[in-house]
Amino acid sequence: MDTFPRGLGGELVGELVGLSCLRGWVHRDLAPEYVKARDLRGFARRYDLVLVPGEDAPLDDLPQARRTAPWLVRDAHELLDRSAARARLGVEDRAPLAVVVGSGTPDEVAQLRLLAGELDDALGDRGVARFLSDEWPLLELLAGVDLLVGVGGYNTVHEARGTGTPLLALARPRRYDRQARRLTSDELCPGVDVLVQRAVETLGPRGPILEYTNGVHAALDALEDLLVGG
């Protein structure tokens, strides 16, 4: 089960009792109030393995918990080099590039699209800003991105950090995902105006893509160990 050990609406509370198979839970960050209200610490004892993918989580001290690096959709060797990434993005290699990633509700995506236009105007001849909403996986192209702009979701943040791509982000309110907690003070912007100002001040050619550890492999090893040992 991913994120919600009781299911999205508590549908697993009765189901897990009668299951004779091995049970695994992917434990992402959850609001402490929810953890306490539903006694998730007690409920989590029903799981044989708890995977914690790269972030602190309220129950990451459980004896069956196994923490890994963040889970990413590509390994480092699968990413395009800068020239190939720039060709896909349609930007000349010499221009510093800020990519604004559009995700969230329709209103949030519309705001990010406007932000990209505002940032492009503010940059003038110092760089280029582009809005992307359907380029997947963007991780493949990050060698060609000098600054990533978006919100504090799991994938955006960990893809930026893993590859060493500078990130500026807004923290969106979510019912279960605490984006402000995920972002560092250098990444978190309190509003669009501050974000644009900081982007103009900091945009420049990026450094090389970093080698990173993709936690999916350790997670698969943990699952295989559970199957063999269970």
C-alpha atoms as a PDB file:
ATOM      1  CA  MET A   1       0.000   0.000   0.000  1.00  0.00           C
ATOM      2  CA  ASP A   2       1.301   3.484  -0.855  1.00  0.00           C
ATOM      3  CA  THR A   3       1.021   6.333   1.685  1.00  0.00           C
ATOM      4  CA  PHE A   4      -2.252   5.410   3.421  1.00  0.00           C
ATOM      5  CA  PRO A   5      -1.919   2.169   5.405  1.00  0.00           C
ATOM      6  CA  ARG A   6      -5.647   2.009   6.160  1.00  0.00           C
ATOM      7  CA  GLY A   7      -6.558   2.687   2.526  1.00  0.00           C
ATOM      8  CA  LEU A   8      -7.908   5.963   1.185  1.00  0.00           C
ATOM      9  CA  GLY A   9     -11.137   5.607   3.130  1.00  0.00           C
ATOM     10  CA  GLY A  10     -10.331   2.974   5.736  1.00  0.00           C
ATOM     11  CA  GLU A  11     -11.280   0.120   3.417  1.00  0.00           C
ATOM     12  CA  LEU A  12      -8.237  -1.957   4.428  1.00  0.00           C
ATOM     13  CA  VAL A  13      -8.956  -1.988   8.160  1.00  0.00           C
ATOM     14  CA  GLY A  14     -10.937  -5.210   7.973  1.00  0.00           C
ATOM     15  CA  GLU A  15      -9.289  -6.623   4.883  1.00  0.00           C
ATOM     16  CA  LEU A  16      -5.772  -6.872   6.288  1.00  0.00           C
ATOM     17  CA  VAL A  17      -6.809  -9.012   9.245  1.00  0.00           C
ATOM     18  CA  GLY A  18      -7.746 -11.968   7.085  1.00  0.00           C
ATOM     19  CA  LEU A  19      -4.869 -11.782   4.611  1.00  0.00           C
ATOM     20  CA  SER A  20      -2.288 -14.530   4.876  1.00  0.00           C
ATOM     21  CA  CYS A  21       0.125 -12.963   2.362  1.00  0.00           C
ATOM     22  CA  LEU A  22       3.057 -10.696   3.138  1.00  0.00           C
ATOM     23  CA  ARG A  23       2.157  -7.031   3.399  1.00  0.00           C
ATOM     24  CA  GLY A  24       4.202  -3.947   2.509  1.00  0.00           C
ATOM     25  CA  TRP A  25       3.521  -0.267   3.053  1.00  0.00           C
ATOM     26  CA  VAL A  26       5.231   2.693   1.364  1.00  0.00           C
ATOM     27  CA  HIS A  27       5.352   5.243   4.179  1.00  0.00           C
ATOM     28  CA  ARG A  28       5.444   8.800   2.879  1.00  0.00           C
ATOM     29  CA  ASP A  29       5.045  11.886   5.018  1.00  0.00           C
ATOM     30  CA  LEU A  30       1.649  12.178   6.704  1.00  0.00           C
ATOM     31  CA  ALA A  31       0.144  14.845   8.916  1.00  0.00           C
ATOM     32  CA  PRO A  32       0.911  13.960  12.565  1.00  0.00           C
ATOM     33  CA  GLU A  33      -2.705  14.718  13.494  1.00  0.00           C
ATOM     34  CA  TYR A  34      -3.890  12.015  11.096  1.00  0.00           C
ATOM     35  CA  VAL A  35      -1.306   9.545  12.401  1.00  0.00           C
ATOM     36  CA  LYS A  36      -2.483  10.100  15.975  1.00  0.00           C
ATOM     37  CA  ALA A  37      -6.215  10.212  15.255  1.00  0.00           C
ATOM     38  CA  ARG A  38      -6.166   6.880  13.414  1.00  0.00           C
ATOM     39  CA  ASP A  39      -3.526   5.220  15.596  1.00  0.00           C
ATOM     40  CA  LEU A  40      -1.393   4.473  12.573  1.00  0.00           C
ATOM     41  CA  ARG A  41       1.508   3.379  14.762  1.00  0.00           C
ATOM     42  CA  GLY A  42      -0.583   0.518  16.104  1.00  0.00           C
ATOM     43  CA  PHE A  43      -2.133  -0.243  12.711  1.00  0.00           C
ATOM     44  CA  ALA A  44       1.253  -0.347  10.980  1.00  0.00           C
ATOM     45  CA  ARG A  45       2.171  -3.464  12.970  1.00  0.00           C
ATOM     46  CA  ARG A  46       0.077  -5.373  10.458  1.00  0.00           C
ATOM     47  CA  TYR A  47       2.687  -4.683   7.762  1.00  0.00           C
ATOM     48  CA  ASP A  48       5.726  -6.907   7.373  1.00  0.00           C
ATOM     49  CA  LEU A  49       7.767  -4.223   5.612  1.00  0.00           C
ATOM     50  CA  VAL A  50       7.566  -0.425   5.719  1.00  0.00           C
ATOM     51  CA  LEU A  51       9.480   1.368   2.963  1.00  0.00           C
ATOM     52  CA  VAL A  52      10.405   5.013   3.596  1.00  0.00           C
ATOM     53  CA  PRO A  53      11.415   6.583   0.246  1.00  0.00           C
ATOM     54  CA  GLY A  54      13.919   9.305   1.009  1.00  0.00           C
ATOM     55  CA  GLU A  55      12.162  11.604   3.465  1.00  0.00           C
ATOM     56  CA  ASP A  56      11.520  11.737   7.184  1.00  0.00           C
ATOM     57  CA  ALA A  57       8.129  10.298   8.059  1.00  0.00           C
ATOM     58  CA  PRO A  58       6.231  10.067  11.367  1.00  0.00           C
ATOM     59  CA  LEU A  59       6.666   6.303  11.722  1.00  0.00           C
ATOM     60  CA  ASP A  60      10.105   5.824  10.169  1.00  0.00           C
ATOM     61  CA  ASP A  61      11.342   4.405  13.494  1.00  0.00           C
ATOM     62  CA  LEU A  62       9.190   1.267  13.216  1.00  0.00           C
ATOM     63  CA  PRO A  63      11.263  -1.906  13.583  1.00  0.00           C
ATOM     64  CA  GLN A  64      10.219  -3.171  10.147  1.00  0.00           C
ATOM     65  CA  ALA A  65      10.951   0.186   8.454  1.00  0.00           C
ATOM     66  CA  ARG A  66      13.616   0.346   5.774  1.00  0.00           C
ATOM     67  CA  ARG A  67      14.649   3.748   4.507  1.00  0.00           C
ATOM     68  CA  THR A  68      15.937   4.269   0.974  1.00  0.00           C
ATOM     69  CA  ALA A  69      17.135   7.166  -1.147  1.00  0.00           C
ATOM     70  CA  PRO A  70      14.339   9.025  -3.002  1.00  0.00           C
ATOM     71  CA  TRP A  71      12.624   7.082  -5.766  1.00  0.00           C
ATOM     72  CA  LEU A  72      13.184   8.565  -9.222  1.00  0.00           C
ATOM     73  CA  VAL A  73      11.861   7.494 -12.622  1.00  0.00           C
ATOM     74  CA  ARG A  74      15.317   7.387 -14.250  1.00  0.00           C
ATOM     75  CA  ASP A  75      18.831   6.479 -13.171  1.00  0.00           C
ATOM     76  CA  ALA A  76      21.581   9.043 -13.742  1.00  0.00           C
ATOM     77  CA  HIS A  77      23.027   7.191 -16.734  1.00  0.00           C
ATOM     78  CA  GLU A  78      19.655   7.361 -18.505  1.00  0.00           C
ATOM     79  CA  LEU A  79      19.571  11.175 -18.650  1.00  0.00           C
ATOM     80  CA  LEU A  80      20.300  13.125 -21.817  1.00  0.00           C
ATOM     81  CA  ASP A  81      23.418  15.273 -22.002  1.00  0.00           C
ATOM     82  CA  ARG A  82      23.069  19.055 -22.160  1.00  0.00           C
ATOM     83  CA  SER A  83      23.123  19.368 -25.941  1.00  0.00           C
ATOM     84  CA  ALA A  84      20.537  16.630 -26.489  1.00  0.00           C
ATOM     85  CA  ALA A  85      18.343  17.976 -23.689  1.00  0.00           C
ATOM     86  CA  ARG A  86      18.500  21.506 -25.115  1.00  0.00           C
ATOM     87  CA  ALA A  87      17.561  20.175 -28.544  1.00  0.00           C
ATOM     88  CA  ARG A  88      14.479  18.500 -27.051  1.00  0.00           C
ATOM     89  CA  LEU A  89      13.597  21.677 -25.184  1.00  0.00           C
ATOM     90  CA  GLY A  90      14.065  23.822 -28.303  1.00  0.00           C
ATOM     91  CA  VAL A  91      16.472  26.284 -26.687  1.00  0.00           C
ATOM     92  CA  GLU A  92      19.894  27.415 -27.873  1.00  0.00           C
ATOM     93  CA  ASP A  93      22.673  26.091 -25.699  1.00  0.00           C
ATOM     94  CA  ARG A  94      24.145  29.497 -24.854  1.00  0.00           C
ATOM     95  CA  ALA A  95      21.001  30.931 -23.238  1.00  0.00           C
ATOM     96  CA  PRO A  96      20.518  30.263 -19.497  1.00  0.00           C
ATOM     97  CA  LEU A  97      17.169  28.493 -19.198  1.00  0.00           C
ATOM     98  CA  ALA A  98      14.578  28.538 -16.424  1.00  0.00           C
ATOM     99  CA  VAL A  99      11.891  25.874 -16.796  1.00  0.00           C
ATOM    100  CA  VAL A 100       8.588  26.397 -15.008  1.00  0.00           C
ATOM    101  CA  VAL A 101       6.890  23.065 -14.330  1.00  0.00           C
ATOM    102  CA  GLY A 102       3.101  23.171 -14.393  1.00  0.00           C
ATOM    103  CA  SER A 103       1.297  20.823 -12.020  1.00  0.00           C
ATOM    104  CA  GLY A 104      -1.602  20.879  -9.578  1.00  0.00           C
ATOM    105  CA  THR A 105      -5.156  22.110  -9.965  1.00  0.00           C
ATOM    106  CA  PRO A 106      -6.198  23.929 -13.186  1.00  0.00           C
ATOM    107  CA  ASP A 107      -5.982  27.266 -11.373  1.00  0.00           C
ATOM    108  CA  GLU A 108      -2.508  26.435 -10.071  1.00  0.00           C
ATOM    109  CA  VAL A 109      -1.309  25.409 -13.523  1.00  0.00           C
ATOM    110  CA  ALA A 110      -2.700  28.627 -14.980  1.00  0.00           C
ATOM    111  CA  GLN A 111      -0.823  30.634 -12.344  1.00  0.00           C
ATOM    112  CA  LEU A 112       2.434  28.855 -13.196  1.00  0.00           C
ATOM    113  CA  ARG A 113       1.906  29.532 -16.895  1.00  0.00           C
ATOM    114  CA  LEU A 114       1.517  33.237 -16.144  1.00  0.00           C
ATOM    115  CA  LEU A 115       4.575  33.074 -13.883  1.00  0.00           C
ATOM    116  CA  ALA A 116       6.651  31.703 -16.768  1.00  0.00           C
ATOM    117  CA  GLY A 117       5.652  34.621 -18.977  1.00  0.00           C
ATOM    118  CA  GLU A 118       6.374  37.123 -16.225  1.00  0.00           C
ATOM    119  CA  LEU A 119       9.763  35.565 -15.569  1.00  0.00           C
ATOM    120  CA  ASP A 120      10.659  35.509 -19.259  1.00  0.00           C
ATOM    121  CA  ASP A 121       9.871  39.218 -19.509  1.00  0.00           C
ATOM    122  CA  ALA A 122      11.868  39.990 -16.359  1.00  0.00           C
ATOM    123  CA  LEU A 123      14.914  38.094 -17.603  1.00  0.00           C
ATOM    124  CA  GLY A 124      15.164  40.110 -20.823  1.00  0.00           C
ATOM    125  CA  ASP A 125      18.361  39.193 -22.639  1.00  0.00           C
ATOM    126  CA  ARG A 126      19.848  37.526 -19.549  1.00  0.00           C
ATOM    127  CA  GLY A 127      18.040  34.236 -20.102  1.00  0.00           C
ATOM    128  CA  VAL A 128      14.911  32.413 -21.198  1.00  0.00           C
ATOM    129  CA  ALA A 129      11.945  31.050 -19.240  1.00  0.00           C
ATOM    130  CA  ARG A 130       9.741  28.288 -20.603  1.00  0.00           C
ATOM    131  CA  PHE A 131       6.555  26.682 -19.277  1.00  0.00           C
ATOM    132  CA  LEU A 132       6.257  22.890 -19.470  1.00  0.00           C
ATOM    133  CA  SER A 133       3.255  20.855 -18.399  1.00  0.00           C
ATOM    134  CA  ASP A 134       3.338  17.699 -20.521  1.00  0.00           C
ATOM    135  CA  GLU A 135       7.040  16.903 -21.003  1.00  0.00           C
ATOM    136  CA  TRP A 136       7.576  13.589 -19.235  1.00  0.00           C
ATOM    137  CA  PRO A 137       9.816  12.559 -17.742  1.00  0.00           C
ATOM    138  CA  LEU A 138      11.379  15.986 -17.282  1.00  0.00           C
ATOM    139  CA  LEU A 139      14.132  14.310 -15.301  1.00  0.00           C
ATOM    140  CA  GLU A 140      15.670  13.141 -18.593  1.00  0.00           C
ATOM    141  CA  LEU A 141      16.142  16.784 -19.665  1.00  0.00           C
ATOM    142  CA  LEU A 142      17.489  18.402 -16.507  1.00  0.00           C
ATOM    143  CA  ALA A 143      21.042  18.646 -17.837  1.00  0.00           C
ATOM    144  CA  GLY A 144      19.646  21.327 -20.145  1.00  0.00           C
ATOM    145  CA  VAL A 145      17.831  23.225 -17.383  1.00  0.00           C
ATOM    146  CA  ASP A 146      19.710  25.914 -15.451  1.00  0.00           C
ATOM    147  CA  LEU A 147      16.893  26.668 -12.999  1.00  0.00           C
ATOM    148  CA  LEU A 148      13.796  24.635 -12.185  1.00  0.00           C
ATOM    149  CA  VAL A 149      10.718  26.535 -10.990  1.00  0.00           C
ATOM    150  CA  GLY A 150       7.592  24.867  -9.666  1.00  0.00           C
ATOM    151  CA  VAL A 151       5.950  23.706  -6.467  1.00  0.00           C
ATOM    152  CA  GLY A 152       7.210  21.580  -3.615  1.00  0.00           C
ATOM    153  CA  GLY A 153       5.957  18.181  -4.725  1.00  0.00           C
ATOM    154  CA  TYR A 154       7.984  15.034  -4.116  1.00  0.00           C
ATOM    155  CA  ASN A 155       9.132  14.402  -7.684  1.00  0.00           C
ATOM    156  CA  THR A 156      10.041  17.993  -8.534  1.00  0.00           C
ATOM    157  CA  VAL A 157      12.086  18.472  -5.376  1.00  0.00           C
ATOM    158  CA  HIS A 158      13.984  15.207  -5.419  1.00  0.00           C
ATOM    159  CA  GLU A 159      14.687  15.274  -9.146  1.00  0.00           C
ATOM    160  CA  ALA A 160      16.183  18.748  -8.735  1.00  0.00           C
ATOM    161  CA  ARG A 161      18.268  17.827  -5.704  1.00  0.00           C
ATOM    162  CA  GLY A 162      19.416  14.514  -7.104  1.00  0.00           C
ATOM    163  CA  THR A 163      20.738  16.092 -10.288  1.00  0.00           C
ATOM    164  CA  GLY A 164      22.028  19.278  -8.679  1.00  0.00           C
ATOM    165  CA  THR A 165      19.547  21.472 -10.561  1.00  0.00           C
ATOM    166  CA  PRO A 166      18.865  24.810  -8.782  1.00  0.00           C
ATOM    167  CA  LEU A 167      15.241  24.953  -7.609  1.00  0.00           C
ATOM    168  CA  LEU A 168      12.860  27.734  -6.617  1.00  0.00           C
ATOM    169  CA  ALA A 169       9.396  26.640  -5.542  1.00  0.00           C
ATOM    170  CA  LEU A 170       6.084  27.658  -4.062  1.00  0.00           C
ATOM    171  CA  ALA A 171       4.563  25.518  -1.314  1.00  0.00           C
ATOM    172  CA  ARG A 172       1.035  24.499  -2.270  1.00  0.00           C
ATOM    173  CA  PRO A 173      -1.510  23.548   0.369  1.00  0.00           C
ATOM    174  CA  ARG A 174      -2.273  19.850   0.252  1.00  0.00           C
ATOM    175  CA  ARG A 175      -4.366  17.757   2.584  1.00  0.00           C
ATOM    176  CA  TYR A 176      -1.645  15.217   3.289  1.00  0.00           C
ATOM    177  CA  ASP A 177       1.556  16.406   1.593  1.00  0.00           C
ATOM    178  CA  ARG A 178       3.419  19.096   3.569  1.00  0.00           C
ATOM    179  CA  GLN A 179       5.317  20.873   0.800  1.00  0.00           C
ATOM    180  CA  ALA A 180       6.701  23.695   2.934  1.00  0.00           C
ATOM    181  CA  ARG A 181       8.306  21.130   5.208  1.00  0.00           C
ATOM    182  CA  ARG A 182       9.985  19.456   2.238  1.00  0.00           C
ATOM    183  CA  LEU A 183      11.574  22.623   0.852  1.00  0.00           C
ATOM    184  CA  THR A 184      14.714  24.254   2.219  1.00  0.00           C
ATOM    185  CA  SER A 185      14.905  27.982   2.909  1.00  0.00           C
ATOM    186  CA  ASP A 186      16.951  28.422  -0.278  1.00  0.00           C
ATOM    187  CA  GLU A 187      14.273  26.680  -2.357  1.00  0.00           C
ATOM    188  CA  LEU A 188      11.086  28.020  -0.763  1.00  0.00           C
ATOM    189  CA  CYS A 189       9.618  31.289  -2.062  1.00  0.00           C
ATOM    190  CA  PRO A 190       6.725  32.928  -0.158  1.00  0.00           C
ATOM    191  CA  GLY A 191       5.112  34.272  -3.324  1.00  0.00           C
ATOM    192  CA  VAL A 192       5.410  34.821  -7.062  1.00  0.00           C
ATOM    193  CA  ASP A 193       7.025  38.254  -6.815  1.00  0.00           C
ATOM    194  CA  VAL A 194       9.802  36.961  -4.581  1.00  0.00           C
ATOM    195  CA  LEU A 195      10.288  33.931  -6.812  1.00  0.00           C
ATOM    196  CA  VAL A 196      10.689  36.037  -9.956  1.00  0.00           C
ATOM    197  CA  GLN A 197      13.146  38.361  -8.216  1.00  0.00           C
ATOM    198  CA  ARG A 198      15.259  35.503  -6.912  1.00  0.00           C
ATOM    199  CA  ALA A 199      15.185  33.760 -10.299  1.00  0.00           C
ATOM    200  CA  VAL A 200      16.432  36.886 -12.085  1.00  0.00           C
ATOM    201  CA  GLU A 201      19.183  37.309  -9.493  1.00  0.00           C
ATOM    202  CA  THR A 202      20.395  33.699  -9.556  1.00  0.00           C
ATOM    203  CA  LEU A 203      19.859  32.350 -13.089  1.00  0.00           C
ATOM    204  CA  GLY A 204      23.080  31.349 -14.771  1.00  0.00           C
ATOM    205  CA  PRO A 205      24.685  28.306 -16.409  1.00  0.00           C
ATOM    206  CA  ARG A 206      24.265  25.238 -14.251  1.00  0.00           C
ATOM    207  CA  GLY A 207      26.964  22.876 -13.100  1.00  0.00           C
ATOM    208  CA  PRO A 208      27.223  19.273 -14.313  1.00  0.00           C
ATOM    209  CA  ILE A 209      24.564  16.717 -13.517  1.00  0.00           C
ATOM    210  CA  LEU A 210      25.346  14.997 -10.234  1.00  0.00           C
ATOM    211  CA  GLU A 211      25.559  11.255  -9.856  1.00  0.00           C
ATOM    212  CA  TYR A 212      22.720  10.193  -7.593  1.00  0.00           C
ATOM    213  CA  THR A 213      21.459   7.037  -5.947  1.00  0.00           C
ATOM    214  CA  ASN A 214      18.022   5.952  -7.099  1.00  0.00           C
ATOM    215  CA  GLY A 215      16.208   4.423  -4.147  1.00  0.00           C
ATOM    216  CA  VAL A 216      13.977   2.211  -6.279  1.00  0.00           C
ATOM    217  CA  HIS A 217      16.724  -0.406  -6.444  1.00  0.00           C
ATOM    218  CA  ALA A 218      17.081  -0.668  -2.674  1.00  0.00           C
ATOM    219  CA  ALA A 219      13.287  -0.850  -2.409  1.00  0.00           C
ATOM    220  CA  LEU A 220      13.186  -3.770  -4.836  1.00  0.00           C
ATOM    221  CA  ASP A 221      15.953  -5.491  -2.880  1.00  0.00           C
ATOM    222  CA  ALA A 222      13.944  -5.047   0.319  1.00  0.00           C
ATOM    223  CA  LEU A 223      10.848  -6.541  -1.310  1.00  0.00           C
ATOM    224  CA  GLU A 224      12.848  -9.495  -2.622  1.00  0.00           C
ATOM    225  CA  ASP A 225      14.376 -10.042   0.850  1.00  0.00           C
ATOM    226  CA  LEU A 226      10.879 -10.041   2.324  1.00  0.00           C
ATOM    227  CA  LEU A 227       9.659 -12.616  -0.192  1.00  0.00           C
ATOM    228  CA  VAL A 228      12.668 -14.880   0.316  1.00  0.00           C
ATOM    229  CA  GLY A 229      12.646 -14.577   4.085  1.00  0.00           C
ATOM    230  CA  GLY A 230       8.903 -14.496   4.529  1.00  0.00           C
END
